[in-house]
């Protein structure tokens, strides 16, 4: 049973807003289950991506 829920999308949006980085000009990738780490989640944010 999970005792709490973390809304990672909200967390990333808050951090982008705090740093004046527009979400619409960014790509966000989440990685989990990285070998050697237990319960690890990483977000890679690429800013300045042009829409093609």
PDB file of N, CA and C in Angstrom:
ATOM      1  N   UNK A   1       0.827  -1.179   0.000  1.00  0.00           N
ATOM      2  CA  UNK A   1       0.000   0.000   0.000  1.00  0.00           C
ATOM      3  C   UNK A   1       0.882   1.257   0.000  1.00  0.00           C
ATOM      4  N   UNK A   2       0.576   2.188  -0.859  1.00  0.00           N
ATOM      5  CA  UNK A   2       1.332   3.435  -0.937  1.00  0.00           C
ATOM      6  C   UNK A   2       0.740   4.425   0.061  1.00  0.00           C
ATOM      7  N   UNK A   3       1.599   4.967   0.914  1.00  0.00           N
ATOM      8  CA  UNK A   3       1.102   5.875   1.940  1.00  0.00           C
ATOM      9  C   UNK A   3       1.122   7.338   1.515  1.00  0.00           C
ATOM     10  N   UNK A   4       1.754   7.635   0.411  1.00  0.00           N
ATOM     11  CA  UNK A   4       1.738   9.006  -0.085  1.00  0.00           C
ATOM     12  C   UNK A   4       1.943   9.001  -1.603  1.00  0.00           C
ATOM     13  N   UNK A   5       1.563  10.093  -2.218  1.00  0.00           N
ATOM     14  CA  UNK A   5       1.650  10.222  -3.668  1.00  0.00           C
ATOM     15  C   UNK A   5       2.366  11.527  -3.982  1.00  0.00           C
ATOM     16  N   UNK A   6       3.344  11.451  -4.863  1.00  0.00           N
ATOM     17  CA  UNK A   6       4.070  12.649  -5.282  1.00  0.00           C
ATOM     18  C   UNK A   6       3.682  12.945  -6.731  1.00  0.00           C
ATOM     19  N   UNK A   7       3.194  14.128  -6.974  1.00  0.00           N
ATOM     20  CA  UNK A   7       2.835  14.557  -8.324  1.00  0.00           C
ATOM     21  C   UNK A   7       4.088  15.168  -8.964  1.00  0.00           C
ATOM     22  N   UNK A   8       4.857  14.338  -9.639  1.00  0.00           N
ATOM     23  CA  UNK A   8       6.132  14.786 -10.195  1.00  0.00           C
ATOM     24  C   UNK A   8       5.957  15.848 -11.264  1.00  0.00           C
ATOM     25  N   UNK A   9       4.874  15.772 -12.010  1.00  0.00           N
ATOM     26  CA  UNK A   9       4.630  16.796 -13.030  1.00  0.00           C
ATOM     27  C   UNK A   9       4.491  18.172 -12.373  1.00  0.00           C
ATOM     28  N   UNK A  10       3.732  18.233 -11.282  1.00  0.00           N
ATOM     29  CA  UNK A  10       3.552  19.486 -10.562  1.00  0.00           C
ATOM     30  C   UNK A  10       4.872  19.996  -9.996  1.00  0.00           C
ATOM     31  N   UNK A  11       5.679  19.093  -9.470  1.00  0.00           N
ATOM     32  CA  UNK A  11       6.976  19.477  -8.910  1.00  0.00           C
ATOM     33  C   UNK A  11       7.864  20.089  -9.995  1.00  0.00           C
ATOM     34  N   UNK A  12       7.917  19.462 -11.168  1.00  0.00           N
ATOM     35  CA  UNK A  12       8.734  19.979 -12.266  1.00  0.00           C
ATOM     36  C   UNK A  12       8.192  21.324 -12.740  1.00  0.00           C
ATOM     37  N   UNK A  13       6.878  21.449 -12.877  1.00  0.00           N
ATOM     38  CA  UNK A  13       6.290  22.722 -13.311  1.00  0.00           C
ATOM     39  C   UNK A  13       6.609  23.841 -12.327  1.00  0.00           C
ATOM     40  N   UNK A  14       6.545  23.551 -11.032  1.00  0.00           N
ATOM     41  CA  UNK A  14       6.874  24.562 -10.022  1.00  0.00           C
ATOM     42  C   UNK A  14       8.327  25.000 -10.127  1.00  0.00           C
ATOM     43  N   UNK A  15       9.235  24.056 -10.327  1.00  0.00           N
ATOM     44  CA  UNK A  15      10.657  24.399 -10.449  1.00  0.00           C
ATOM     45  C   UNK A  15      10.929  25.204 -11.713  1.00  0.00           C
ATOM     46  N   UNK A  16      10.278  24.854 -12.809  1.00  0.00           N
ATOM     47  CA  UNK A  16      10.447  25.621 -14.044  1.00  0.00           C
ATOM     48  C   UNK A  16       9.939  27.052 -13.849  1.00  0.00           C
ATOM     49  N   UNK A  17       8.771  27.179 -13.235  1.00  0.00           N
ATOM     50  CA  UNK A  17       8.205  28.516 -12.977  1.00  0.00           C
ATOM     51  C   UNK A  17       9.117  29.332 -12.069  1.00  0.00           C
ATOM     52  N   UNK A  18       9.666  28.689 -11.045  1.00  0.00           N
ATOM     53  CA  UNK A  18      10.557  29.378 -10.110  1.00  0.00           C
ATOM     54  C   UNK A  18      11.788  29.943 -10.807  1.00  0.00           C
ATOM     55  N   UNK A  19      12.224  29.257 -11.853  1.00  0.00           N
ATOM     56  CA  UNK A  19      13.428  29.649 -12.576  1.00  0.00           C
ATOM     57  C   UNK A  19      13.127  30.347 -13.901  1.00  0.00           C
ATOM     58  N   UNK A  20      11.869  30.771 -14.083  1.00  0.00           N
ATOM     59  CA  UNK A  20      11.437  31.490 -15.291  1.00  0.00           C
ATOM     60  C   UNK A  20      11.739  30.736 -16.577  1.00  0.00           C
ATOM     61  N   UNK A  21      11.512  29.436 -16.554  1.00  0.00           N
ATOM     62  CA  UNK A  21      11.713  28.599 -17.737  1.00  0.00           C
ATOM     63  C   UNK A  21      10.336  28.172 -18.233  1.00  0.00           C
ATOM     64  N   UNK A  22       9.953  28.582 -19.441  1.00  0.00           N
ATOM     65  CA  UNK A  22       8.623  28.234 -19.952  1.00  0.00           C
ATOM     66  C   UNK A  22       8.512  26.734 -20.248  1.00  0.00           C
ATOM     67  N   UNK A  23       7.474  26.127 -19.709  1.00  0.00           N
ATOM     68  CA  UNK A  23       7.254  24.700 -19.922  1.00  0.00           C
ATOM     69  C   UNK A  23       7.075  24.380 -21.403  1.00  0.00           C
ATOM     70  N   UNK A  24       6.405  25.259 -22.124  1.00  0.00           N
ATOM     71  CA  UNK A  24       6.126  25.003 -23.538  1.00  0.00           C
ATOM     72  C   UNK A  24       7.386  25.033 -24.409  1.00  0.00           C
ATOM     73  N   UNK A  25       8.478  25.582 -23.906  1.00  0.00           N
ATOM     74  CA  UNK A  25       9.730  25.610 -24.652  1.00  0.00           C
ATOM     75  C   UNK A  25      10.714  24.574 -24.117  1.00  0.00           C
ATOM     76  N   UNK A  26      10.208  23.621 -23.355  1.00  0.00           N
ATOM     77  CA  UNK A  26      11.076  22.620 -22.739  1.00  0.00           C
ATOM     78  C   UNK A  26      10.563  21.220 -23.048  1.00  0.00           C
ATOM     79  N   UNK A  27      11.486  20.279 -23.005  1.00  0.00           N
ATOM     80  CA  UNK A  27      11.120  18.869 -23.063  1.00  0.00           C
ATOM     81  C   UNK A  27      11.527  18.270 -21.733  1.00  0.00           C
ATOM     82  N   UNK A  28      10.644  17.472 -21.149  1.00  0.00           N
ATOM     83  CA  UNK A  28      10.909  16.866 -19.852  1.00  0.00           C
ATOM     84  C   UNK A  28      10.835  15.354 -20.014  1.00  0.00           C
ATOM     85  N   UNK A  29      11.874  14.664 -19.562  1.00  0.00           N
ATOM     86  CA  UNK A  29      11.941  13.208 -19.602  1.00  0.00           C
ATOM     87  C   UNK A  29      12.151  12.695 -18.187  1.00  0.00           C
ATOM     88  N   UNK A  30      11.411  11.678 -17.807  1.00  0.00           N
ATOM     89  CA  UNK A  30      11.572  11.056 -16.501  1.00  0.00           C
ATOM     90  C   UNK A  30      12.230   9.696 -16.679  1.00  0.00           C
ATOM     91  N   UNK A  31      13.188   9.406 -15.824  1.00  0.00           N
ATOM     92  CA  UNK A  31      13.878   8.124 -15.821  1.00  0.00           C
ATOM     93  C   UNK A  31      13.701   7.492 -14.447  1.00  0.00           C
ATOM     94  N   UNK A  32      13.417   6.205 -14.427  1.00  0.00           N
ATOM     95  CA  UNK A  32      13.325   5.509 -13.155  1.00  0.00           C
ATOM     96  C   UNK A  32      14.006   4.154 -13.290  1.00  0.00           C
ATOM     97  N   UNK A  33      14.182   3.502 -12.158  1.00  0.00           N
ATOM     98  CA  UNK A  33      14.827   2.197 -12.107  1.00  0.00           C
ATOM     99  C   UNK A  33      16.208   2.232 -12.750  1.00  0.00           C
ATOM    100  N   UNK A  34      16.999   3.209 -12.366  1.00  0.00           N
ATOM    101  CA  UNK A  34      18.367   3.308 -12.851  1.00  0.00           C
ATOM    102  C   UNK A  34      19.193   2.271 -12.101  1.00  0.00           C
ATOM    103  N   UNK A  35      19.954   1.415 -12.805  1.00  0.00           N
ATOM    104  CA  UNK A  35      20.743   0.382 -12.134  1.00  0.00           C
ATOM    105  C   UNK A  35      21.643   0.972 -11.047  1.00  0.00           C
ATOM    106  N   UNK A  36      21.638   0.318  -9.894  1.00  0.00           N
ATOM    107  CA  UNK A  36      22.474   0.757  -8.783  1.00  0.00           C
ATOM    108  C   UNK A  36      21.772   1.717  -7.846  1.00  0.00           C
ATOM    109  N   UNK A  37      20.602   2.187  -8.192  1.00  0.00           N
ATOM    110  CA  UNK A  37      19.837   3.104  -7.344  1.00  0.00           C
ATOM    111  C   UNK A  37      18.486   2.470  -7.034  1.00  0.00           C
ATOM    112  N   UNK A  38      18.051   2.598  -5.816  1.00  0.00           N
ATOM    113  CA  UNK A  38      16.768   2.054  -5.400  1.00  0.00           C
ATOM    114  C   UNK A  38      15.763   3.190  -5.246  1.00  0.00           C
ATOM    115  N   UNK A  39      14.595   3.029  -5.867  1.00  0.00           N
ATOM    116  CA  UNK A  39      13.544   4.060  -5.808  1.00  0.00           C
ATOM    117  C   UNK A  39      14.078   5.433  -6.206  1.00  0.00           C
ATOM    118  N   UNK A  40      14.737   5.492  -7.313  1.00  0.00           N
ATOM    119  CA  UNK A  40      15.358   6.725  -7.792  1.00  0.00           C
ATOM    120  C   UNK A  40      14.591   7.214  -9.010  1.00  0.00           C
ATOM    121  N   UNK A  41      14.281   8.486  -9.042  1.00  0.00           N
ATOM    122  CA  UNK A  41      13.633   9.080 -10.208  1.00  0.00           C
ATOM    123  C   UNK A  41      14.417  10.320 -10.598  1.00  0.00           C
ATOM    124  N   UNK A  42      14.714  10.440 -11.873  1.00  0.00           N
ATOM    125  CA  UNK A  42      15.457  11.592 -12.358  1.00  0.00           C
ATOM    126  C   UNK A  42      14.647  12.251 -13.473  1.00  0.00           C
ATOM    127  N   UNK A  43      14.643  13.577 -13.480  1.00  0.00           N
ATOM    128  CA  UNK A  43      13.988  14.324 -14.543  1.00  0.00           C
ATOM    129  C   UNK A  43      15.061  15.055 -15.340  1.00  0.00           C
ATOM    130  N   UNK A  44      15.056  14.865 -16.638  1.00  0.00           N
ATOM    131  CA  UNK A  44      15.952  15.576 -17.539  1.00  0.00           C
ATOM    132  C   UNK A  44      15.126  16.640 -18.239  1.00  0.00           C
ATOM    133  N   UNK A  45      15.532  17.885 -18.112  1.00  0.00           N
ATOM    134  CA  UNK A  45      14.800  19.001 -18.707  1.00  0.00           C
ATOM    135  C   UNK A  45      15.689  19.659 -19.749  1.00  0.00           C
ATOM    136  N   UNK A  46      15.198  19.684 -20.983  1.00  0.00           N
ATOM    137  CA  UNK A  46      15.927  20.314 -22.073  1.00  0.00           C
ATOM    138  C   UNK A  46      15.175  21.589 -22.425  1.00  0.00           C
ATOM    139  N   UNK A  47      15.844  22.716 -22.232  1.00  0.00           N
ATOM    140  CA  UNK A  47      15.208  24.023 -22.440  1.00  0.00           C
ATOM    141  C   UNK A  47      15.629  24.605 -23.781  1.00  0.00           C
ATOM    142  N   UNK A  48      14.715  25.319 -24.414  1.00  0.00           N
ATOM    143  CA  UNK A  48      15.020  25.986 -25.667  1.00  0.00           C
ATOM    144  C   UNK A  48      14.765  25.116 -26.874  1.00  0.00           C
ATOM    145  N   UNK A  49      13.929  24.124 -26.734  1.00  0.00           N
ATOM    146  CA  UNK A  49      13.615  23.223 -27.829  1.00  0.00           C
ATOM    147  C   UNK A  49      12.673  23.934 -28.790  1.00  0.00           C
ATOM    148  N   UNK A  50      13.035  23.938 -30.060  1.00  0.00           N
ATOM    149  CA  UNK A  50      12.180  24.566 -31.062  1.00  0.00           C
ATOM    150  C   UNK A  50      11.170  23.549 -31.568  1.00  0.00           C
ATOM    151  N   UNK A  51       9.921  23.969 -31.672  1.00  0.00           N
ATOM    152  CA  UNK A  51       8.884  23.096 -32.220  1.00  0.00           C
ATOM    153  C   UNK A  51       9.068  22.989 -33.723  1.00  0.00           C
ATOM    154  N   UNK A  52       9.119  21.764 -34.196  1.00  0.00           N
ATOM    155  CA  UNK A  52       9.340  21.529 -35.628  1.00  0.00           C
ATOM    156  C   UNK A  52       8.122  20.922 -36.243  1.00  0.00           C
TER     157      UNK A  52
END
